[in-house]
Amino acid sequence: MTLPALSRTSDLFPGSAADAAVLVIPEISDSAESLTGYPGLADSLQAIGFTGSASAFSRAYAPEVTTLPFAVVGVGREPDASSVRNAVGAALRSLTGFEAVSVALAPGLEQFAAAAAEGAVLGGYRFDGYRKESGKTRASSVVLHADLDDDALSRSIAVGEAVALVKDLVFVPAEWQSPAQLAQSAADSVDGLADVSVEILDEESLAEQGFGGILGVAQGSDRPPRLVRLDYAPANAVRHIALVGKGITFDTGGLSLKPAASMVGMKFDMAGAATSVAALRAIATLGLPVHVTAWLCITDNMPSGRALRPGDVIRILDGTTVEVPNTDAEGRLVMADGLVAASRENPDVVIDVATLTGAIVMALGHRHTGVFGDDDAVSEFLAAADAADELAWHMPLPAYMEDSLDSPIADMQNANMSDRMGGASYAGLFLRRFIGRVSDEKDAPRIPWVHLDIAGSGEHNGAPYGFTDKGPTGAMVRSIIAFAEASHKEA
């Protein structure tokens, strides 16, 4: 990953030894009280028409502030943590060609120092890619002029690294990211972290143990599947969170082949697995007293003479048989195996993350994550997402749709080909059937469960905004970290 090295200082902004400087300011009022300490700056900015609206960025000449190349970025009229995070991220994205950048907060914004630090790391990320020349680069180091303690600084760096890990993994072309390679990358990403263990199941182990969902989807590919179990188990853990991530390293749709345009970008279909390992990595790096187990369900979905055929029946890890009328609804099949495996350890809550349905994009667009599951668990997760300033929306699991999961020849089917409406809810209902019970008693409640459909929010194809570039976003990593932090604070 390529991230700027982040540090902080309490030195005065004009004394910085950086190559360029950025000042974060609220919207300029008539009195310009927000720029107290920078005499003449308000007039200079008004002369170039800069008002300080949210995430507005401009280079400026301001010798009264610093002799360095100088820029300003706005946070709007009513600044909050989100607007500051986005503003600093936008500045680091935009101010290219400088190795070291200083960032200072105007008077009145000091309380948002942690958000500014996070924005600097998130906005400073870059993927160097495979070009012969990368052109102007973003800063390799950032000094934040703010009162920020060591814990807050470490957290900002850990969060930024987690989001960067998701982006790094998603950016890699599928030709260089087989299931085995992704499994190894996940293992490498947690190497050396205290209290973290790794187990990787290959195709033979998966067959021996009965992971029929993963094996069924994988059978059309020349590249064998993997299941990765990452376990962060500190001795002082107060709660056990299971993460289950969809890791389709390339999704053609199988024999239910996608149209050519819909197949472009399907290397992105492993973002759920990337999100799961990245969140666990950050939680372990921060040493949170929460037990986290991540299950990464990794395979290709390819057409061949061996591929799963529409109408075939597969057997999931718990013995449930599933008729497969649509091989392009493959994510829920591999996730079913992962949910059963995760449930067998009886965690306190299961959170699954998947680029699961195009239907969620139709429902919520490209920025909101669809959140399904038990009301109490969903409410808890939405509170964490709100704390992390990530957009999420509670979606329904309608009881009347249960009958549409019925199959005439198996326990259930993976798609209702006669009615494609409500597809995201259908997928959620399908997954819920594989969540285990809290005990062996027949009527015991299911383990609390949250399903995150990031098919829309996990990738941004429009113009950059805030700290968000075009491409993978790392959506929900910050929310899962916040969920884990809230878990131990409430214990």
Protein backbone atom coordinates (compact mmCIF):
# COMPACT_ATOMS: atom_id res chain seq x y z
CA MET A 1 0.00 0.00 0.00
CA THR A 2 1.15 3.55 -0.66
CA LEU A 3 0.12 5.87 2.14
CA PRO A 4 1.65 9.09 3.45
CA ALA A 5 3.60 8.84 6.69
CA LEU A 6 1.52 10.76 9.22
CA SER A 7 2.89 12.74 12.15
CA ARG A 8 1.71 15.67 14.20
CA THR A 9 3.26 18.67 15.86
CA SER A 10 2.15 21.52 18.09
CA ASP A 11 4.57 23.93 16.37
CA LEU A 12 3.18 27.02 14.74
CA PHE A 13 2.02 26.45 11.18
CA PRO A 14 4.24 29.14 9.56
CA GLY A 15 7.35 27.45 10.95
CA SER A 16 6.80 24.18 9.08
CA ALA A 17 9.68 22.70 7.10
CA ALA A 18 7.36 20.96 4.61
CA ASP A 19 7.27 21.50 0.83
CA ALA A 20 3.71 22.84 0.82
CA ALA A 21 1.04 23.86 3.30
CA VAL A 22 -2.75 23.47 3.56
CA LEU A 23 -5.05 25.41 5.85
CA VAL A 24 -8.47 23.94 6.63
CA ILE A 25 -11.07 26.66 7.13
CA PRO A 26 -14.82 26.94 7.76
CA GLU A 27 -16.97 28.96 5.40
CA ILE A 28 -15.85 32.57 5.50
CA SER A 29 -18.37 34.83 7.23
CA ASP A 30 -18.53 38.61 7.01
CA SER A 31 -16.58 38.89 10.24
CA ALA A 32 -14.08 36.18 9.24
CA GLU A 33 -13.68 35.25 12.92
CA SER A 34 -12.58 31.77 11.85
CA LEU A 35 -9.37 33.22 10.41
CA THR A 36 -8.29 35.05 13.55
CA GLY A 37 -4.54 34.74 13.71
CA TYR A 38 -4.16 34.98 9.94
CA PRO A 39 -4.51 38.73 9.32
CA GLY A 40 -5.39 39.63 5.78
CA LEU A 41 -6.09 36.06 4.70
CA ALA A 42 -9.87 36.47 4.52
CA ASP A 43 -9.48 39.40 2.17
CA SER A 44 -7.03 37.47 -0.01
CA LEU A 45 -9.39 34.52 -0.29
CA GLN A 46 -12.44 36.65 -0.98
CA ALA A 47 -10.46 38.34 -3.75
CA ILE A 48 -10.16 35.01 -5.56
CA GLY A 49 -13.76 34.05 -4.81
CA PHE A 50 -12.95 31.32 -2.29
CA THR A 51 -15.69 31.02 0.31
CA GLY A 52 -14.70 27.88 2.20
CA SER A 53 -17.67 25.74 1.15
CA ALA A 54 -17.45 22.03 1.95
CA SER A 55 -14.41 20.35 0.33
CA ALA A 56 -13.74 23.38 -1.93
CA PHE A 57 -10.00 23.48 -2.67
CA SER A 58 -7.83 26.26 -4.07
CA ARG A 59 -4.20 27.22 -4.35
CA ALA A 60 -3.59 30.70 -3.00
CA TYR A 61 -0.89 33.29 -2.40
CA ALA A 62 -0.72 34.10 1.30
CA PRO A 63 2.67 35.35 2.51
CA GLU A 64 0.95 36.45 5.72
CA VAL A 65 0.45 32.73 6.51
CA THR A 66 3.52 30.98 5.07
CA THR A 67 6.18 31.32 2.42
CA LEU A 68 5.54 27.75 1.29
CA PRO A 69 3.33 26.89 -1.69
CA PHE A 70 -0.07 27.27 -0.07
CA ALA A 71 -3.60 25.95 -0.47
CA VAL A 72 -6.88 26.22 1.40
CA VAL A 73 -9.73 23.75 1.73
CA GLY A 74 -13.17 24.44 3.14
CA VAL A 75 -15.40 22.58 5.56
CA GLY A 76 -18.61 24.55 5.05
CA ARG A 77 -20.71 26.69 7.36
CA GLU A 78 -21.38 24.03 10.04
CA PRO A 79 -18.22 21.93 10.28
CA ASP A 80 -18.26 18.48 11.80
CA ALA A 81 -15.97 15.46 11.83
CA SER A 82 -17.24 14.24 8.47
CA SER A 83 -16.74 17.56 6.68
CA VAL A 84 -13.23 17.94 8.13
CA ARG A 85 -12.29 14.37 7.20
CA ASN A 86 -13.52 14.91 3.66
CA ALA A 87 -11.88 18.32 3.35
CA VAL A 88 -8.44 17.12 4.38
CA GLY A 89 -8.83 14.09 2.13
CA ALA A 90 -9.78 16.31 -0.80
CA ALA A 91 -6.74 18.51 -0.16
CA LEU A 92 -4.32 15.57 -0.09
CA ARG A 93 -5.86 14.21 -3.31
CA SER A 94 -5.58 17.56 -5.05
CA LEU A 95 -2.25 18.94 -3.87
CA THR A 96 0.09 16.78 -5.94
CA GLY A 97 3.76 17.09 -6.74
CA PHE A 98 4.98 17.76 -3.18
CA GLU A 99 6.80 15.19 -1.05
CA ALA A 100 5.89 16.67 2.33
CA VAL A 101 2.72 18.60 3.14
CA SER A 102 1.75 20.46 6.30
CA VAL A 103 -1.93 20.60 7.28
CA ALA A 104 -3.27 23.06 9.83
CA LEU A 105 -6.76 23.61 11.20
CA ALA A 106 -8.10 27.13 11.47
CA PRO A 107 -9.21 28.33 14.93
CA GLY A 108 -12.45 26.66 15.99
CA LEU A 109 -11.68 23.36 14.25
CA GLU A 110 -9.25 21.97 16.83
CA GLN A 111 -11.78 19.45 18.15
CA PHE A 112 -11.74 17.68 14.78
CA ALA A 113 -8.03 16.84 14.82
CA ALA A 114 -8.64 13.08 14.79
CA ALA A 115 -10.94 13.35 11.76
CA ALA A 116 -8.34 15.50 10.02
CA ALA A 117 -5.67 12.87 10.63
CA GLU A 118 -7.93 10.16 9.25
CA GLY A 119 -8.74 12.27 6.19
CA ALA A 120 -5.05 12.84 5.52
CA VAL A 121 -4.29 9.11 5.43
CA LEU A 122 -7.42 8.23 3.45
CA GLY A 123 -6.98 11.03 0.92
CA GLY A 124 -3.25 10.49 0.61
CA TYR A 125 -3.61 6.88 -0.54
CA ARG A 126 -2.59 6.08 -4.07
CA PHE A 127 -2.35 2.90 -6.12
CA ASP A 128 0.69 3.16 -8.32
CA GLY A 129 -0.75 0.62 -10.72
CA TYR A 130 0.98 -0.78 -13.75
CA ARG A 131 1.78 2.37 -15.72
CA LYS A 132 5.30 3.00 -16.98
CA GLU A 133 5.16 6.48 -15.45
CA SER A 134 2.91 7.47 -12.58
CA GLY A 135 2.94 11.25 -13.16
CA LYS A 136 2.55 13.69 -10.28
CA THR A 137 2.31 11.87 -6.99
CA ARG A 138 0.64 12.67 -3.71
CA ALA A 139 2.61 13.55 -0.61
CA SER A 140 4.68 10.80 0.96
CA SER A 141 4.53 12.48 4.37
CA VAL A 142 1.99 14.70 6.12
CA VAL A 143 2.49 16.75 9.27
CA LEU A 144 -0.72 17.67 11.03
CA HIS A 145 -0.49 20.82 13.16
CA ALA A 146 -2.95 19.84 15.87
CA ASP A 147 -3.21 18.65 19.44
CA LEU A 148 -3.57 14.91 18.83
CA ASP A 149 -2.55 12.22 21.32
CA ASP A 150 -0.65 9.06 20.43
CA ASP A 151 -3.72 6.81 20.60
CA ALA A 152 -5.72 8.98 18.23
CA LEU A 153 -2.80 9.19 15.81
CA SER A 154 -2.28 5.41 15.89
CA ARG A 155 -5.97 4.80 15.31
CA SER A 156 -6.04 7.11 12.28
CA ILE A 157 -3.08 5.30 10.77
CA ALA A 158 -4.56 1.85 11.45
CA VAL A 159 -7.89 2.84 9.90
CA GLY A 160 -6.18 4.34 6.86
CA GLU A 161 -4.06 1.22 6.38
CA ALA A 162 -7.16 -0.97 6.60
CA VAL A 163 -9.00 0.97 3.90
CA ALA A 164 -5.83 0.99 1.80
CA LEU A 165 -5.53 -2.79 2.12
CA VAL A 166 -9.02 -3.25 0.68
CA LYS A 167 -8.20 -0.95 -2.22
CA ASP A 168 -4.86 -2.65 -2.89
CA LEU A 169 -6.46 -6.09 -3.02
CA VAL A 170 -9.39 -5.01 -5.18
CA PHE A 171 -7.22 -3.14 -7.67
CA VAL A 172 -5.14 -6.23 -8.53
CA PRO A 173 -6.24 -7.78 -11.86
CA ALA A 174 -7.77 -11.23 -11.57
CA GLU A 175 -4.99 -12.74 -13.67
CA TRP A 176 -2.62 -12.05 -10.75
CA GLN A 177 -5.08 -12.82 -7.99
CA SER A 178 -6.16 -16.42 -8.00
CA PRO A 179 -7.97 -17.80 -4.95
CA ALA A 180 -4.65 -19.18 -3.70
CA GLN A 181 -2.93 -15.83 -4.21
CA LEU A 182 -5.68 -13.90 -2.44
CA ALA A 183 -5.57 -16.37 0.45
CA GLN A 184 -1.83 -15.88 0.75
CA SER A 185 -2.19 -12.09 0.57
CA ALA A 186 -4.68 -12.25 3.44
CA ALA A 187 -2.30 -14.36 5.50
CA ASP A 188 0.63 -12.05 4.71
CA SER A 189 -1.37 -8.97 5.74
CA VAL A 190 -1.66 -10.20 9.36
CA ASP A 191 1.79 -11.74 9.61
CA GLY A 192 3.47 -10.76 12.86
CA LEU A 193 0.35 -9.40 14.57
CA ALA A 194 -0.05 -10.57 18.16
CA ASP A 195 -2.81 -13.07 18.95
CA VAL A 196 -3.63 -13.70 15.26
CA SER A 197 -3.64 -17.17 13.74
CA VAL A 198 -4.30 -18.24 10.14
CA GLU A 199 -5.76 -21.42 8.67
CA ILE A 200 -6.14 -21.96 4.92
CA LEU A 201 -8.27 -24.83 3.59
CA ASP A 202 -7.47 -26.01 0.05
CA GLU A 203 -9.81 -27.85 -2.29
CA GLU A 204 -9.04 -31.25 -0.74
CA SER A 205 -9.76 -30.05 2.79
CA LEU A 206 -12.93 -28.31 1.62
CA ALA A 207 -14.14 -31.56 0.04
CA GLU A 208 -13.31 -33.61 3.12
CA GLN A 209 -15.25 -31.25 5.36
CA GLY A 210 -18.25 -30.76 3.06
CA PHE A 211 -18.02 -27.17 1.85
CA GLY A 212 -20.34 -27.83 -1.07
CA GLY A 213 -21.25 -24.21 -1.75
CA ILE A 214 -17.68 -23.07 -2.35
CA LEU A 215 -16.78 -26.22 -4.28
CA GLY A 216 -19.91 -26.02 -6.43
CA VAL A 217 -19.15 -22.48 -7.57
CA ALA A 218 -15.46 -23.30 -8.03
CA GLN A 219 -15.85 -26.40 -10.18
CA GLY A 220 -15.89 -24.48 -13.47
CA SER A 221 -12.52 -22.85 -12.83
CA ASP A 222 -9.00 -24.14 -13.44
CA ARG A 223 -7.95 -22.31 -10.26
CA PRO A 224 -8.98 -24.18 -7.09
CA PRO A 225 -10.82 -22.43 -4.25
CA ARG A 226 -9.70 -21.55 -0.75
CA LEU A 227 -11.34 -20.88 2.60
CA VAL A 228 -9.30 -18.71 4.94
CA ARG A 229 -9.95 -18.51 8.67
CA LEU A 230 -8.23 -15.63 10.43
CA ASP A 231 -8.57 -15.54 14.20
CA TYR A 232 -7.65 -12.65 16.46
CA ALA A 233 -8.12 -13.95 20.00
CA PRO A 234 -6.71 -11.68 22.73
CA ALA A 235 -6.85 -13.11 26.24
CA ASN A 236 -8.95 -10.21 27.52
CA ALA A 237 -11.65 -10.40 24.82
CA VAL A 238 -15.10 -9.31 25.95
CA ARG A 239 -17.03 -10.31 22.82
CA HIS A 240 -16.67 -12.64 19.84
CA ILE A 241 -17.44 -11.12 16.42
CA ALA A 242 -17.45 -13.35 13.34
CA LEU A 243 -16.88 -11.76 9.94
CA VAL A 244 -17.75 -13.65 6.75
CA GLY A 245 -16.54 -12.20 3.46
CA LYS A 246 -17.41 -13.01 -0.13
CA GLY A 247 -14.24 -13.54 -2.15
CA ILE A 248 -15.14 -14.18 -5.79
CA THR A 249 -11.81 -13.39 -7.46
CA PHE A 250 -13.55 -13.11 -10.82
CA ASP A 251 -17.23 -13.48 -11.59
CA THR A 252 -18.25 -14.27 -15.16
CA GLY A 253 -21.65 -15.43 -13.97
CA GLY A 254 -20.70 -19.03 -14.72
CA LEU A 255 -22.92 -20.71 -17.32
CA SER A 256 -25.53 -18.02 -16.56
CA LEU A 257 -23.02 -15.79 -18.32
CA LYS A 258 -23.07 -12.06 -17.71
CA PRO A 259 -23.32 -9.66 -20.66
CA ALA A 260 -19.91 -8.35 -21.71
CA ALA A 261 -20.41 -4.90 -20.18
CA SER A 262 -21.55 -6.36 -16.87
CA MET A 263 -18.43 -8.55 -16.67
CA VAL A 264 -16.08 -5.57 -16.75
CA GLY A 265 -14.74 -4.89 -13.28
CA MET A 266 -15.76 -8.24 -11.81
CA LYS A 267 -12.37 -8.56 -10.14
CA PHE A 268 -14.18 -6.32 -7.60
CA ASP A 269 -16.34 -9.25 -6.47
CA MET A 270 -13.87 -10.21 -3.73
CA ALA A 271 -14.27 -6.88 -1.89
CA GLY A 272 -16.23 -8.51 0.95
CA ALA A 273 -13.33 -10.82 1.77
CA ALA A 274 -10.89 -7.91 1.51
CA THR A 275 -13.07 -5.86 3.85
CA SER A 276 -13.18 -8.68 6.41
CA VAL A 277 -9.42 -9.23 6.56
CA ALA A 278 -8.74 -5.48 6.60
CA ALA A 279 -11.11 -4.88 9.51
CA LEU A 280 -9.60 -7.76 11.51
CA ARG A 281 -6.11 -6.44 10.78
CA ALA A 282 -6.98 -2.98 12.11
CA ILE A 283 -8.71 -4.36 15.20
CA ALA A 284 -5.67 -6.52 15.97
CA THR A 285 -3.26 -3.66 15.27
CA LEU A 286 -5.14 -1.49 17.76
CA GLY A 287 -5.14 -4.33 20.28
CA LEU A 288 -8.86 -4.08 20.96
CA PRO A 289 -10.12 -6.57 23.57
CA VAL A 290 -12.53 -8.19 21.11
CA HIS A 291 -12.25 -11.70 19.67
CA VAL A 292 -12.66 -11.50 15.88
CA THR A 293 -12.77 -14.43 13.48
CA ALA A 294 -12.84 -13.74 9.74
CA TRP A 295 -13.94 -16.37 7.25
CA LEU A 296 -12.94 -15.60 3.65
CA CYS A 297 -14.85 -17.64 1.05
CA ILE A 298 -12.65 -17.46 -2.05
CA THR A 299 -13.16 -18.84 -5.56
CA ASP A 300 -13.58 -17.92 -9.22
CA ASN A 301 -16.95 -18.28 -10.94
CA MET A 302 -16.11 -19.46 -14.45
CA PRO A 303 -17.87 -21.30 -17.32
CA SER A 304 -16.41 -24.56 -18.59
CA GLY A 305 -17.37 -28.14 -19.28
CA ARG A 306 -17.08 -28.78 -15.54
CA ALA A 307 -19.11 -25.76 -14.43
CA LEU A 308 -22.22 -25.83 -12.31
CA ARG A 309 -25.28 -26.03 -14.59
CA PRO A 310 -28.56 -24.18 -14.02
CA GLY A 311 -30.79 -26.67 -12.24
CA ASP A 312 -27.97 -28.54 -10.50
CA VAL A 313 -28.24 -29.22 -6.78
CA ILE A 314 -25.41 -28.65 -4.32
CA ARG A 315 -25.13 -29.47 -0.62
CA ILE A 316 -24.05 -26.73 1.81
CA LEU A 317 -21.83 -27.43 4.82
CA ASP A 318 -24.80 -27.98 7.15
CA GLY A 319 -26.39 -30.50 4.78
CA THR A 320 -28.94 -28.12 3.25
CA THR A 321 -29.50 -28.86 -0.43
CA VAL A 322 -29.79 -25.92 -2.82
CA GLU A 323 -31.07 -26.00 -6.37
CA VAL A 324 -29.17 -23.50 -8.52
CA PRO A 325 -31.39 -22.07 -11.27
CA ASN A 326 -28.99 -19.13 -11.64
CA THR A 327 -25.22 -19.70 -11.48
CA ASP A 328 -24.71 -15.92 -11.40
CA ALA A 329 -26.24 -15.86 -7.90
CA GLU A 330 -23.08 -17.58 -6.70
CA GLY A 331 -22.05 -15.28 -3.86
CA ARG A 332 -24.80 -16.48 -1.57
CA LEU A 333 -23.70 -20.09 -2.16
CA VAL A 334 -20.14 -19.55 -0.96
CA MET A 335 -21.35 -17.30 1.84
CA ALA A 336 -23.73 -20.02 3.04
CA ASP A 337 -20.76 -22.29 3.74
CA GLY A 338 -18.95 -19.48 5.54
CA LEU A 339 -21.98 -18.60 7.67
CA VAL A 340 -22.42 -22.21 8.75
CA ALA A 341 -18.74 -22.51 9.65
CA ALA A 342 -18.81 -19.23 11.55
CA SER A 343 -22.00 -20.19 13.41
CA ARG A 344 -20.47 -23.47 14.63
CA GLU A 345 -18.16 -21.45 16.88
CA ASN A 346 -21.19 -19.74 18.47
CA PRO A 347 -19.94 -16.15 18.23
CA ASP A 348 -21.85 -13.32 19.88
CA VAL A 349 -22.63 -11.74 16.50
CA VAL A 350 -22.06 -12.57 12.83
CA ILE A 351 -21.41 -9.81 10.31
CA ASP A 352 -21.18 -10.82 6.67
CA VAL A 353 -19.89 -8.52 3.93
CA ALA A 354 -20.53 -9.10 0.25
CA THR A 355 -20.84 -7.44 -3.12
CA LEU A 356 -23.96 -9.52 -3.30
CA THR A 357 -26.62 -8.03 -5.56
CA GLY A 358 -27.13 -5.54 -8.35
CA ALA A 359 -30.56 -5.05 -6.79
CA ILE A 360 -29.07 -3.13 -3.86
CA VAL A 361 -27.63 -0.61 -6.32
CA MET A 362 -31.07 -0.12 -7.83
CA ALA A 363 -32.52 0.39 -4.36
CA LEU A 364 -29.90 2.60 -2.71
CA GLY A 365 -27.55 3.89 -5.38
CA HIS A 366 -23.78 3.90 -5.12
CA ARG A 367 -23.04 5.39 -1.71
CA HIS A 368 -25.33 3.70 0.81
CA THR A 369 -24.64 0.18 2.06
CA GLY A 370 -27.69 -2.02 2.47
CA VAL A 371 -27.89 -3.42 6.01
CA PHE A 372 -30.03 -6.47 6.71
CA GLY A 373 -30.45 -8.69 9.75
CA ASP A 374 -31.88 -8.80 13.24
CA ASP A 375 -33.32 -5.48 14.38
CA ASP A 376 -31.18 -5.14 17.52
CA ALA A 377 -27.95 -6.12 15.79
CA VAL A 378 -28.72 -3.88 12.83
CA SER A 379 -29.45 -0.94 15.14
CA GLU A 380 -26.14 -1.49 16.88
CA PHE A 381 -24.31 -1.62 13.57
CA LEU A 382 -26.05 1.46 12.20
CA ALA A 383 -24.93 3.37 15.31
CA ALA A 384 -21.35 2.32 14.56
CA ALA A 385 -21.71 3.35 10.91
CA ASP A 386 -23.05 6.72 12.04
CA ALA A 387 -20.07 7.15 14.38
CA ALA A 388 -17.76 6.35 11.45
CA ASP A 389 -19.67 8.71 9.13
CA GLU A 390 -20.41 5.93 6.62
CA LEU A 391 -23.76 5.84 4.81
CA ALA A 392 -25.87 2.77 5.58
CA TRP A 393 -29.58 1.95 5.40
CA HIS A 394 -31.70 -0.67 7.14
CA MET A 395 -33.31 -2.93 4.54
CA PRO A 396 -36.26 -5.33 5.02
CA LEU A 397 -36.39 -9.13 5.12
CA PRO A 398 -40.09 -9.61 4.26
CA ALA A 399 -41.72 -12.75 5.62
CA TYR A 400 -43.99 -13.02 2.57
CA MET A 401 -40.94 -13.66 0.38
CA GLU A 402 -39.92 -16.82 2.28
CA ASP A 403 -42.00 -19.10 0.05
CA SER A 404 -40.09 -17.92 -3.01
CA LEU A 405 -37.00 -19.67 -1.66
CA ASP A 406 -38.74 -23.05 -2.00
CA SER A 407 -37.45 -25.52 -4.59
CA PRO A 408 -39.50 -28.41 -6.04
CA ILE A 409 -36.53 -30.80 -5.72
CA ALA A 410 -34.27 -29.45 -2.95
CA ASP A 411 -34.49 -27.73 0.41
CA MET A 412 -34.32 -24.32 -1.27
CA GLN A 413 -33.24 -22.51 -4.41
CA ASN A 414 -30.72 -19.72 -4.85
CA ALA A 415 -32.82 -17.51 -7.15
CA ASN A 416 -36.44 -16.92 -8.08
CA MET A 417 -36.23 -16.70 -11.86
CA SER A 418 -39.93 -15.90 -12.25
CA ASP A 419 -39.75 -12.73 -10.14
CA ARG A 420 -36.51 -10.75 -9.90
CA MET A 421 -37.96 -7.91 -7.82
CA GLY A 422 -36.65 -7.36 -4.30
CA GLY A 423 -33.50 -9.27 -5.17
CA ALA A 424 -31.39 -7.85 -2.34
CA SER A 425 -33.99 -8.89 0.24
CA TYR A 426 -34.29 -12.34 -1.36
CA ALA A 427 -30.52 -12.79 -1.02
CA GLY A 428 -30.68 -11.68 2.61
CA LEU A 429 -33.44 -14.19 3.36
CA PHE A 430 -31.35 -16.89 1.71
CA LEU A 431 -28.34 -16.09 3.90
CA ARG A 432 -30.37 -15.93 7.09
CA ARG A 433 -31.24 -19.61 6.79
CA PHE A 434 -27.58 -20.48 7.38
CA ILE A 435 -27.17 -18.51 10.60
CA GLY A 436 -26.92 -20.95 13.49
CA ARG A 437 -28.79 -20.98 16.80
CA VAL A 438 -27.35 -19.74 20.08
CA SER A 439 -27.86 -23.23 21.56
CA ASP A 440 -28.90 -26.74 20.54
CA GLU A 441 -32.43 -26.23 21.75
CA LYS A 442 -34.96 -26.51 18.92
CA ASP A 443 -36.57 -23.11 19.43
CA ALA A 444 -33.40 -21.24 20.40
CA PRO A 445 -33.01 -17.87 18.69
CA ARG A 446 -30.55 -17.39 15.88
CA ILE A 447 -27.16 -15.87 16.57
CA PRO A 448 -27.44 -12.08 16.15
CA TRP A 449 -26.62 -11.32 12.52
CA VAL A 450 -25.90 -8.37 10.23
CA HIS A 451 -25.61 -8.65 6.44
CA LEU A 452 -23.85 -5.83 4.56
CA ASP A 453 -24.48 -5.62 0.82
CA ILE A 454 -21.69 -3.40 -0.53
CA ALA A 455 -22.31 -3.99 -4.24
CA GLY A 456 -23.07 -0.28 -4.65
CA SER A 457 -21.02 1.37 -1.92
CA GLY A 458 -17.86 -0.69 -2.37
CA GLU A 459 -16.87 0.91 -5.67
CA HIS A 460 -17.11 4.51 -6.88
CA ASN A 461 -17.17 5.12 -10.62
CA GLY A 462 -17.87 8.85 -10.66
CA ALA A 463 -15.72 11.91 -10.06
CA PRO A 464 -13.65 11.88 -6.87
CA TYR A 465 -15.10 13.62 -3.83
CA GLY A 466 -13.80 14.20 -0.33
CA PHE A 467 -11.21 11.53 0.41
CA THR A 468 -12.89 9.13 -2.04
CA ASP A 469 -11.18 8.37 -5.35
CA LYS A 470 -12.62 6.64 -8.36
CA GLY A 471 -12.40 2.89 -7.80
CA PRO A 472 -12.72 0.71 -4.69
CA THR A 473 -13.81 2.62 -1.61
CA GLY A 474 -13.18 0.31 1.33
CA ALA A 475 -16.77 0.89 2.43
CA MET A 476 -17.74 -0.50 5.83
CA VAL A 477 -14.19 -1.13 7.06
CA ARG A 478 -14.38 1.93 9.30
CA SER A 479 -17.85 0.95 10.51
CA ILE A 480 -16.78 -2.57 11.47
CA ILE A 481 -13.83 -1.13 13.40
CA ALA A 482 -16.19 1.29 15.16
CA PHE A 483 -18.53 -1.63 15.92
CA ALA A 484 -15.68 -3.51 17.57
CA GLU A 485 -14.64 -0.43 19.56
CA ALA A 486 -18.19 0.09 20.80
CA SER A 487 -18.41 -3.60 21.74
CA HIS A 488 -15.61 -3.42 24.29
CA LYS A 489 -16.67 -0.01 25.60
CA GLU A 490 -20.15 -1.30 26.35
CA ALA A 491 -18.93 -4.54 27.95
